[in-house]
Amino acid sequence: MSNPCSALTLRAWLFAGLALCALSAMSPAMAQQEQELRSRSIAGANTPASSGDAACDAAAQAWRACIAASPKLAADKAAANTEVDKFIRDVFDARGPHRPSITGACPRMEAGYRRMVQDGTCAGNVTGARDDQISRTRDGAEAATR
């Protein structure tokens, strides 16, 4: 009679080997795409299709276009798209006196991201925390030219 523990151990090793073979057969691009889809489905599960404001929806589309144009790795793009999902959720959830202050900024946000896509800022990966500062003069007014 064979030892049931050794049979289970053998099965576990065989399963692990098969799983490893399946993972190694997947190309790096496929693995990144899988990770991005998994991240988007988790983050996007609670994200409404629309923010409820046309200008903010356009801003989110422009933001996503900038992310797509960037040379970021797929995992970083997935994280950035999760931030867009959070923005959509925040606008959707905004009520009362806070909503106009959020939705009022969306047209400028869309224009800024569209400009960054057009002038190559997104493709040059020069985006991030300083985006707003790059497009403004020292006194806070919109820069006339870039």
N, C-alpha and C. Protein backbone atom coordinates (compact mmCIF):
# COMPACT_ATOMS: atom_id res chain seq x y z
N MET A 1 0.85 -1.18 0.00
CA MET A 1 0.00 0.00 0.00
C MET A 1 0.90 1.24 0.00
N SER A 2 0.56 2.23 -0.83
CA SER A 2 1.38 3.45 -0.92
C SER A 2 0.99 4.44 0.17
N ASN A 3 1.91 5.32 0.47
CA ASN A 3 1.70 6.34 1.50
C ASN A 3 0.85 7.46 0.91
N PRO A 4 -0.35 7.77 1.50
CA PRO A 4 -1.21 8.83 0.94
C PRO A 4 -0.55 10.20 0.99
N CYS A 5 0.30 10.45 1.97
CA CYS A 5 0.97 11.75 2.06
C CYS A 5 1.92 11.95 0.89
N SER A 6 2.65 10.90 0.53
CA SER A 6 3.59 11.06 -0.58
C SER A 6 2.85 11.22 -1.90
N ALA A 7 1.69 10.59 -2.04
CA ALA A 7 0.89 10.75 -3.26
C ALA A 7 0.38 12.18 -3.37
N LEU A 8 -0.05 12.75 -2.24
CA LEU A 8 -0.52 14.14 -2.26
C LEU A 8 0.62 15.10 -2.55
N THR A 9 1.79 14.81 -1.98
CA THR A 9 2.96 15.66 -2.23
C THR A 9 3.33 15.61 -3.71
N LEU A 10 3.31 14.42 -4.29
CA LEU A 10 3.64 14.27 -5.71
C LEU A 10 2.65 15.05 -6.56
N ARG A 11 1.35 14.95 -6.23
CA ARG A 11 0.33 15.69 -6.98
C ARG A 11 0.54 17.20 -6.87
N ALA A 12 0.89 17.66 -5.67
CA ALA A 12 1.13 19.09 -5.48
C ALA A 12 2.31 19.56 -6.32
N TRP A 13 3.38 18.76 -6.36
CA TRP A 13 4.55 19.13 -7.17
C TRP A 13 4.21 19.12 -8.65
N LEU A 14 3.42 18.14 -9.09
CA LEU A 14 3.02 18.09 -10.50
C LEU A 14 2.17 19.31 -10.86
N PHE A 15 1.23 19.66 -9.98
CA PHE A 15 0.39 20.82 -10.23
C PHE A 15 1.23 22.10 -10.30
N ALA A 16 2.16 22.24 -9.36
CA ALA A 16 3.03 23.43 -9.35
C ALA A 16 3.86 23.49 -10.61
N GLY A 17 4.36 22.35 -11.06
CA GLY A 17 5.15 22.31 -12.29
C GLY A 17 4.33 22.70 -13.50
N LEU A 18 3.10 22.19 -13.58
CA LEU A 18 2.23 22.56 -14.69
C LEU A 18 1.89 24.05 -14.68
N ALA A 19 1.63 24.58 -13.52
CA ALA A 19 1.32 26.00 -13.39
C ALA A 19 2.51 26.85 -13.82
N LEU A 20 3.71 26.43 -13.42
CA LEU A 20 4.92 27.16 -13.79
C LEU A 20 5.13 27.12 -15.30
N CYS A 21 4.88 25.96 -15.91
CA CYS A 21 5.00 25.85 -17.37
C CYS A 21 4.01 26.77 -18.07
N ALA A 22 2.80 26.82 -17.56
CA ALA A 22 1.78 27.69 -18.17
C ALA A 22 2.17 29.15 -18.05
N LEU A 23 2.71 29.54 -16.90
CA LEU A 23 3.13 30.93 -16.72
C LEU A 23 4.33 31.28 -17.59
N SER A 24 5.26 30.35 -17.71
CA SER A 24 6.45 30.65 -18.51
C SER A 24 6.13 30.69 -19.99
N ALA A 25 5.07 30.00 -20.41
CA ALA A 25 4.68 30.02 -21.81
C ALA A 25 4.04 31.35 -22.19
N MET A 26 3.57 32.09 -21.20
CA MET A 26 2.93 33.38 -21.44
C MET A 26 4.03 34.42 -21.69
N SER A 27 3.89 35.16 -22.75
CA SER A 27 4.88 36.19 -23.06
C SER A 27 4.81 37.31 -22.02
N PRO A 28 5.90 38.09 -21.85
CA PRO A 28 5.84 39.20 -20.90
C PRO A 28 4.72 40.18 -21.22
N ALA A 29 4.48 40.43 -22.51
CA ALA A 29 3.41 41.35 -22.89
C ALA A 29 2.05 40.79 -22.48
N MET A 30 1.87 39.48 -22.66
CA MET A 30 0.61 38.87 -22.26
C MET A 30 0.44 38.92 -20.75
N ALA A 31 1.52 38.70 -20.01
CA ALA A 31 1.46 38.75 -18.56
C ALA A 31 1.11 40.16 -18.08
N GLN A 32 1.72 41.18 -18.71
CA GLN A 32 1.41 42.56 -18.34
C GLN A 32 -0.03 42.90 -18.67
N GLN A 33 -0.49 42.44 -19.83
CA GLN A 33 -1.88 42.71 -20.22
C GLN A 33 -2.84 42.04 -19.25
N GLU A 34 -2.52 40.81 -18.84
CA GLU A 34 -3.34 40.10 -17.86
C GLU A 34 -3.41 40.87 -16.55
N GLN A 35 -2.25 41.37 -16.09
CA GLN A 35 -2.19 42.13 -14.84
C GLN A 35 -3.01 43.42 -14.97
N GLU A 36 -2.89 44.09 -16.12
CA GLU A 36 -3.64 45.33 -16.33
C GLU A 36 -5.14 45.06 -16.32
N LEU A 37 -5.57 44.00 -17.00
CA LEU A 37 -6.99 43.67 -17.03
C LEU A 37 -7.50 43.33 -15.63
N ARG A 38 -6.69 42.59 -14.86
CA ARG A 38 -7.08 42.22 -13.51
C ARG A 38 -7.21 43.47 -12.64
N SER A 39 -6.24 44.38 -12.76
CA SER A 39 -6.27 45.61 -11.97
C SER A 39 -7.47 46.47 -12.35
N ARG A 40 -7.72 46.59 -13.65
CA ARG A 40 -8.85 47.42 -14.11
C ARG A 40 -10.18 46.83 -13.67
N SER A 41 -10.30 45.50 -13.71
CA SER A 41 -11.58 44.91 -13.33
C SER A 41 -11.83 45.09 -11.83
N ILE A 42 -10.77 45.00 -11.02
CA ILE A 42 -10.93 45.20 -9.58
C ILE A 42 -11.28 46.65 -9.30
N ALA A 43 -10.49 47.58 -9.86
CA ALA A 43 -10.72 49.01 -9.61
C ALA A 43 -12.00 49.48 -10.26
N GLY A 44 -12.27 48.98 -11.46
CA GLY A 44 -13.42 49.44 -12.21
C GLY A 44 -14.75 48.84 -11.78
N ALA A 45 -14.70 47.86 -10.90
CA ALA A 45 -15.94 47.20 -10.48
C ALA A 45 -16.91 48.18 -9.86
N ASN A 46 -16.40 49.20 -9.17
CA ASN A 46 -17.25 50.17 -8.51
C ASN A 46 -17.28 51.50 -9.24
N THR A 47 -16.73 51.55 -10.43
CA THR A 47 -16.67 52.79 -11.18
C THR A 47 -17.87 52.89 -12.12
N PRO A 48 -18.65 53.95 -11.99
CA PRO A 48 -19.78 54.11 -12.92
C PRO A 48 -19.27 54.40 -14.33
N ALA A 49 -20.10 54.14 -15.32
CA ALA A 49 -19.73 54.38 -16.71
C ALA A 49 -19.53 55.87 -16.99
N SER A 50 -20.22 56.72 -16.24
CA SER A 50 -20.13 58.16 -16.42
C SER A 50 -20.02 58.84 -15.06
N SER A 51 -19.36 59.98 -15.07
CA SER A 51 -19.26 60.76 -13.84
C SER A 51 -20.55 61.52 -13.56
N GLY A 52 -21.41 61.60 -14.57
CA GLY A 52 -22.64 62.37 -14.44
C GLY A 52 -22.48 63.80 -14.93
N ASP A 53 -21.29 64.14 -15.42
CA ASP A 53 -21.02 65.48 -15.94
C ASP A 53 -20.24 65.32 -17.26
N ALA A 54 -20.78 65.86 -18.34
CA ALA A 54 -20.16 65.67 -19.66
C ALA A 54 -18.74 66.21 -19.72
N ALA A 55 -18.50 67.37 -19.10
CA ALA A 55 -17.16 67.96 -19.13
C ALA A 55 -16.16 67.08 -18.37
N CYS A 56 -16.59 66.49 -17.27
CA CYS A 56 -15.70 65.62 -16.49
C CYS A 56 -15.48 64.29 -17.21
N ASP A 57 -16.49 63.80 -17.92
CA ASP A 57 -16.29 62.60 -18.73
C ASP A 57 -15.26 62.86 -19.83
N ALA A 58 -15.34 64.04 -20.46
CA ALA A 58 -14.37 64.41 -21.49
C ALA A 58 -12.97 64.55 -20.89
N ALA A 59 -12.89 65.09 -19.68
CA ALA A 59 -11.59 65.22 -19.01
C ALA A 59 -11.01 63.84 -18.71
N ALA A 60 -11.84 62.91 -18.27
CA ALA A 60 -11.37 61.55 -18.00
C ALA A 60 -10.87 60.89 -19.28
N GLN A 61 -11.57 61.10 -20.40
CA GLN A 61 -11.13 60.55 -21.69
C GLN A 61 -9.79 61.14 -22.10
N ALA A 62 -9.62 62.43 -21.91
CA ALA A 62 -8.35 63.08 -22.25
C ALA A 62 -7.22 62.56 -21.36
N TRP A 63 -7.51 62.36 -20.09
CA TRP A 63 -6.53 61.82 -19.15
C TRP A 63 -6.11 60.42 -19.58
N ARG A 64 -7.09 59.59 -19.96
CA ARG A 64 -6.79 58.23 -20.43
C ARG A 64 -5.97 58.26 -21.72
N ALA A 65 -6.25 59.23 -22.59
CA ALA A 65 -5.47 59.36 -23.84
C ALA A 65 -4.01 59.69 -23.52
N CYS A 66 -3.80 60.51 -22.52
CA CYS A 66 -2.44 60.86 -22.10
C CYS A 66 -1.74 59.62 -21.53
N ILE A 67 -2.45 58.86 -20.73
CA ILE A 67 -1.87 57.63 -20.17
C ILE A 67 -1.50 56.68 -21.30
N ALA A 68 -2.40 56.52 -22.27
CA ALA A 68 -2.15 55.61 -23.39
C ALA A 68 -0.94 56.06 -24.22
N ALA A 69 -0.76 57.37 -24.35
CA ALA A 69 0.36 57.90 -25.16
C ALA A 69 1.70 57.81 -24.43
N SER A 70 1.66 57.57 -23.15
CA SER A 70 2.90 57.56 -22.37
C SER A 70 3.66 56.25 -22.58
N PRO A 71 4.97 56.27 -22.35
CA PRO A 71 5.77 55.04 -22.49
C PRO A 71 5.81 54.22 -21.20
N LYS A 72 4.88 54.46 -20.31
CA LYS A 72 4.86 53.73 -19.03
C LYS A 72 4.67 52.23 -19.27
N LEU A 73 5.12 51.44 -18.32
CA LEU A 73 4.88 50.00 -18.34
C LEU A 73 3.39 49.76 -18.15
N ALA A 74 2.92 48.61 -18.58
CA ALA A 74 1.49 48.28 -18.49
C ALA A 74 0.98 48.37 -17.05
N ALA A 75 1.79 47.92 -16.10
CA ALA A 75 1.35 47.97 -14.70
C ALA A 75 1.19 49.42 -14.23
N ASP A 76 2.09 50.30 -14.67
CA ASP A 76 1.98 51.71 -14.30
C ASP A 76 0.78 52.36 -14.98
N LYS A 77 0.51 51.96 -16.23
CA LYS A 77 -0.68 52.48 -16.92
C LYS A 77 -1.94 52.02 -16.20
N ALA A 78 -1.94 50.78 -15.73
CA ALA A 78 -3.10 50.27 -15.00
C ALA A 78 -3.31 51.07 -13.73
N ALA A 79 -2.23 51.37 -13.02
CA ALA A 79 -2.34 52.17 -11.79
C ALA A 79 -2.85 53.57 -12.11
N ALA A 80 -2.37 54.16 -13.20
CA ALA A 80 -2.83 55.50 -13.59
C ALA A 80 -4.30 55.47 -13.98
N ASN A 81 -4.73 54.44 -14.69
CA ASN A 81 -6.14 54.33 -15.05
C ASN A 81 -7.01 54.10 -13.82
N THR A 82 -6.46 53.49 -12.78
CA THR A 82 -7.19 53.35 -11.53
C THR A 82 -7.44 54.72 -10.91
N GLU A 83 -6.46 55.63 -11.05
CA GLU A 83 -6.65 57.00 -10.56
C GLU A 83 -7.77 57.70 -11.33
N VAL A 84 -7.87 57.45 -12.64
CA VAL A 84 -8.96 58.02 -13.44
C VAL A 84 -10.29 57.47 -12.94
N ASP A 85 -10.32 56.16 -12.66
CA ASP A 85 -11.54 55.56 -12.13
C ASP A 85 -11.95 56.21 -10.82
N LYS A 86 -10.97 56.48 -9.96
CA LYS A 86 -11.26 57.14 -8.68
C LYS A 86 -11.81 58.55 -8.91
N PHE A 87 -11.24 59.26 -9.88
CA PHE A 87 -11.73 60.60 -10.22
C PHE A 87 -13.19 60.53 -10.66
N ILE A 88 -13.51 59.59 -11.55
CA ILE A 88 -14.89 59.44 -12.03
C ILE A 88 -15.82 59.16 -10.86
N ARG A 89 -15.39 58.28 -9.97
CA ARG A 89 -16.20 57.94 -8.79
C ARG A 89 -16.39 59.16 -7.90
N ASP A 90 -15.32 59.95 -7.70
CA ASP A 90 -15.41 61.15 -6.85
C ASP A 90 -16.39 62.16 -7.42
N VAL A 91 -16.34 62.38 -8.73
CA VAL A 91 -17.27 63.32 -9.36
C VAL A 91 -18.69 62.78 -9.25
N PHE A 92 -18.85 61.49 -9.52
CA PHE A 92 -20.17 60.86 -9.44
C PHE A 92 -20.76 61.00 -8.04
N ASP A 93 -19.92 60.83 -7.02
CA ASP A 93 -20.38 60.87 -5.63
C ASP A 93 -20.53 62.28 -5.07
N ALA A 94 -19.94 63.26 -5.73
CA ALA A 94 -19.96 64.63 -5.20
C ALA A 94 -21.39 65.18 -5.17
N ARG A 95 -21.75 65.75 -4.05
CA ARG A 95 -23.09 66.31 -3.87
C ARG A 95 -22.98 67.66 -3.19
N GLY A 96 -24.04 68.39 -3.25
CA GLY A 96 -24.13 69.65 -2.53
C GLY A 96 -23.15 70.70 -3.03
N PRO A 97 -22.64 71.51 -2.12
CA PRO A 97 -21.78 72.64 -2.51
C PRO A 97 -20.43 72.22 -3.09
N HIS A 98 -20.03 70.97 -2.90
CA HIS A 98 -18.73 70.53 -3.41
C HIS A 98 -18.77 70.19 -4.90
N ARG A 99 -19.89 69.79 -5.41
CA ARG A 99 -19.97 69.35 -6.80
C ARG A 99 -19.57 70.45 -7.79
N PRO A 100 -20.09 71.68 -7.70
CA PRO A 100 -19.69 72.71 -8.67
C PRO A 100 -18.19 73.01 -8.65
N SER A 101 -17.56 72.91 -7.50
CA SER A 101 -16.12 73.20 -7.48
C SER A 101 -15.34 72.10 -8.18
N ILE A 102 -15.83 70.88 -8.13
CA ILE A 102 -15.16 69.77 -8.83
C ILE A 102 -15.46 69.84 -10.32
N THR A 103 -16.74 69.93 -10.67
CA THR A 103 -17.11 69.92 -12.09
C THR A 103 -16.64 71.18 -12.81
N GLY A 104 -16.51 72.27 -12.10
CA GLY A 104 -16.04 73.51 -12.73
C GLY A 104 -14.60 73.44 -13.20
N ALA A 105 -13.82 72.54 -12.62
CA ALA A 105 -12.41 72.39 -13.02
C ALA A 105 -12.24 71.46 -14.21
N CYS A 106 -13.26 70.70 -14.55
CA CYS A 106 -13.12 69.68 -15.59
C CYS A 106 -12.79 70.23 -16.98
N PRO A 107 -13.40 71.34 -17.44
CA PRO A 107 -13.03 71.84 -18.77
C PRO A 107 -11.54 72.21 -18.87
N ARG A 108 -10.99 72.82 -17.82
CA ARG A 108 -9.56 73.16 -17.82
C ARG A 108 -8.69 71.90 -17.78
N MET A 109 -9.16 70.92 -17.03
CA MET A 109 -8.43 69.66 -16.95
C MET A 109 -8.39 68.97 -18.31
N GLU A 110 -9.53 68.93 -18.98
CA GLU A 110 -9.57 68.32 -20.31
C GLU A 110 -8.63 69.06 -21.26
N ALA A 111 -8.71 70.39 -21.27
CA ALA A 111 -7.85 71.18 -22.16
C ALA A 111 -6.38 70.92 -21.87
N GLY A 112 -6.02 70.82 -20.60
CA GLY A 112 -4.64 70.58 -20.23
C GLY A 112 -4.13 69.23 -20.71
N TYR A 113 -4.93 68.18 -20.52
CA TYR A 113 -4.51 66.85 -20.98
C TYR A 113 -4.48 66.78 -22.50
N ARG A 114 -5.46 67.40 -23.17
CA ARG A 114 -5.44 67.41 -24.65
C ARG A 114 -4.16 68.10 -25.16
N ARG A 115 -3.81 69.21 -24.53
CA ARG A 115 -2.60 69.96 -24.91
C ARG A 115 -1.35 69.10 -24.68
N MET A 116 -1.31 68.38 -23.56
CA MET A 116 -0.15 67.54 -23.26
C MET A 116 -0.03 66.37 -24.23
N VAL A 117 -1.17 65.84 -24.70
CA VAL A 117 -1.12 64.79 -25.71
C VAL A 117 -0.58 65.37 -27.01
N GLN A 118 -1.09 66.54 -27.40
CA GLN A 118 -0.69 67.16 -28.66
C GLN A 118 0.77 67.60 -28.68
N ASP A 119 1.26 68.16 -27.59
CA ASP A 119 2.64 68.68 -27.63
C ASP A 119 3.69 67.65 -27.23
N GLY A 120 3.26 66.41 -26.97
CA GLY A 120 4.22 65.35 -26.70
C GLY A 120 4.63 65.19 -25.25
N THR A 121 4.03 65.97 -24.37
CA THR A 121 4.37 65.85 -22.95
C THR A 121 4.05 64.45 -22.44
N CYS A 122 2.90 63.92 -22.83
CA CYS A 122 2.52 62.57 -22.38
C CYS A 122 3.47 61.53 -22.95
N ALA A 123 3.75 61.62 -24.25
CA ALA A 123 4.66 60.66 -24.89
C ALA A 123 6.07 60.77 -24.33
N GLY A 124 6.45 61.95 -23.86
CA GLY A 124 7.77 62.14 -23.27
C GLY A 124 7.81 61.75 -21.80
N ASN A 125 6.67 61.31 -21.27
CA ASN A 125 6.57 60.87 -19.88
C ASN A 125 6.96 61.98 -18.90
N VAL A 126 6.59 63.22 -19.23
CA VAL A 126 6.90 64.36 -18.38
C VAL A 126 5.63 64.79 -17.65
N THR A 127 4.87 63.82 -17.19
CA THR A 127 3.63 64.14 -16.49
C THR A 127 3.76 63.69 -15.05
N GLY A 128 2.88 64.20 -14.23
CA GLY A 128 2.90 63.81 -12.82
C GLY A 128 2.45 64.94 -11.93
N ALA A 129 3.03 65.03 -10.78
CA ALA A 129 2.59 65.99 -9.77
C ALA A 129 2.78 67.43 -10.22
N ARG A 130 3.70 67.69 -11.15
CA ARG A 130 3.97 69.06 -11.55
C ARG A 130 3.22 69.48 -12.81
N ASP A 131 2.30 68.65 -13.32
CA ASP A 131 1.58 68.99 -14.55
C ASP A 131 0.98 70.38 -14.49
N ASP A 132 0.31 70.69 -13.40
CA ASP A 132 -0.37 71.96 -13.29
C ASP A 132 0.64 73.11 -13.27
N GLN A 133 1.77 72.91 -12.63
CA GLN A 133 2.77 73.96 -12.55
C GLN A 133 3.43 74.21 -13.90
N ILE A 134 3.59 73.17 -14.69
CA ILE A 134 4.23 73.31 -15.99
C ILE A 134 3.41 74.21 -16.90
N SER A 135 2.08 74.12 -16.81
CA SER A 135 1.22 74.86 -17.73
C SER A 135 0.84 76.24 -17.22
N ARG A 136 1.40 76.67 -16.13
CA ARG A 136 1.03 77.98 -15.57
C ARG A 136 2.27 78.85 -15.38
N THR A 137 2.02 80.15 -15.36
CA THR A 137 3.10 81.09 -15.07
C THR A 137 3.29 81.17 -13.56
N ARG A 138 4.29 81.92 -13.13
CA ARG A 138 4.57 82.01 -11.69
C ARG A 138 3.43 82.62 -10.89
N ASP A 139 2.66 83.53 -11.50
CA ASP A 139 1.59 84.16 -10.74
C ASP A 139 0.28 83.37 -10.79
N GLY A 140 0.30 82.18 -11.43
CA GLY A 140 -0.87 81.31 -11.42
C GLY A 140 -1.76 81.45 -12.65
N ALA A 141 -1.45 82.39 -13.53
CA ALA A 141 -2.27 82.56 -14.74
C ALA A 141 -1.86 81.51 -15.77
N GLU A 142 -2.81 81.17 -16.64
CA GLU A 142 -2.51 80.23 -17.72
C GLU A 142 -1.40 80.82 -18.60
N ALA A 143 -0.44 80.00 -18.95
CA ALA A 143 0.64 80.45 -19.83
C ALA A 143 0.07 80.67 -21.24
N ALA A 144 0.50 81.73 -21.90
CA ALA A 144 0.01 82.03 -23.24
C ALA A 144 0.54 81.05 -24.26
N THR A 145 1.80 80.69 -24.14
CA THR A 145 2.39 79.71 -25.06
C THR A 145 3.18 78.71 -24.25
N ARG A 146 3.45 77.63 -24.86
CA ARG A 146 4.26 76.59 -24.19
C ARG A 146 5.53 76.39 -24.94
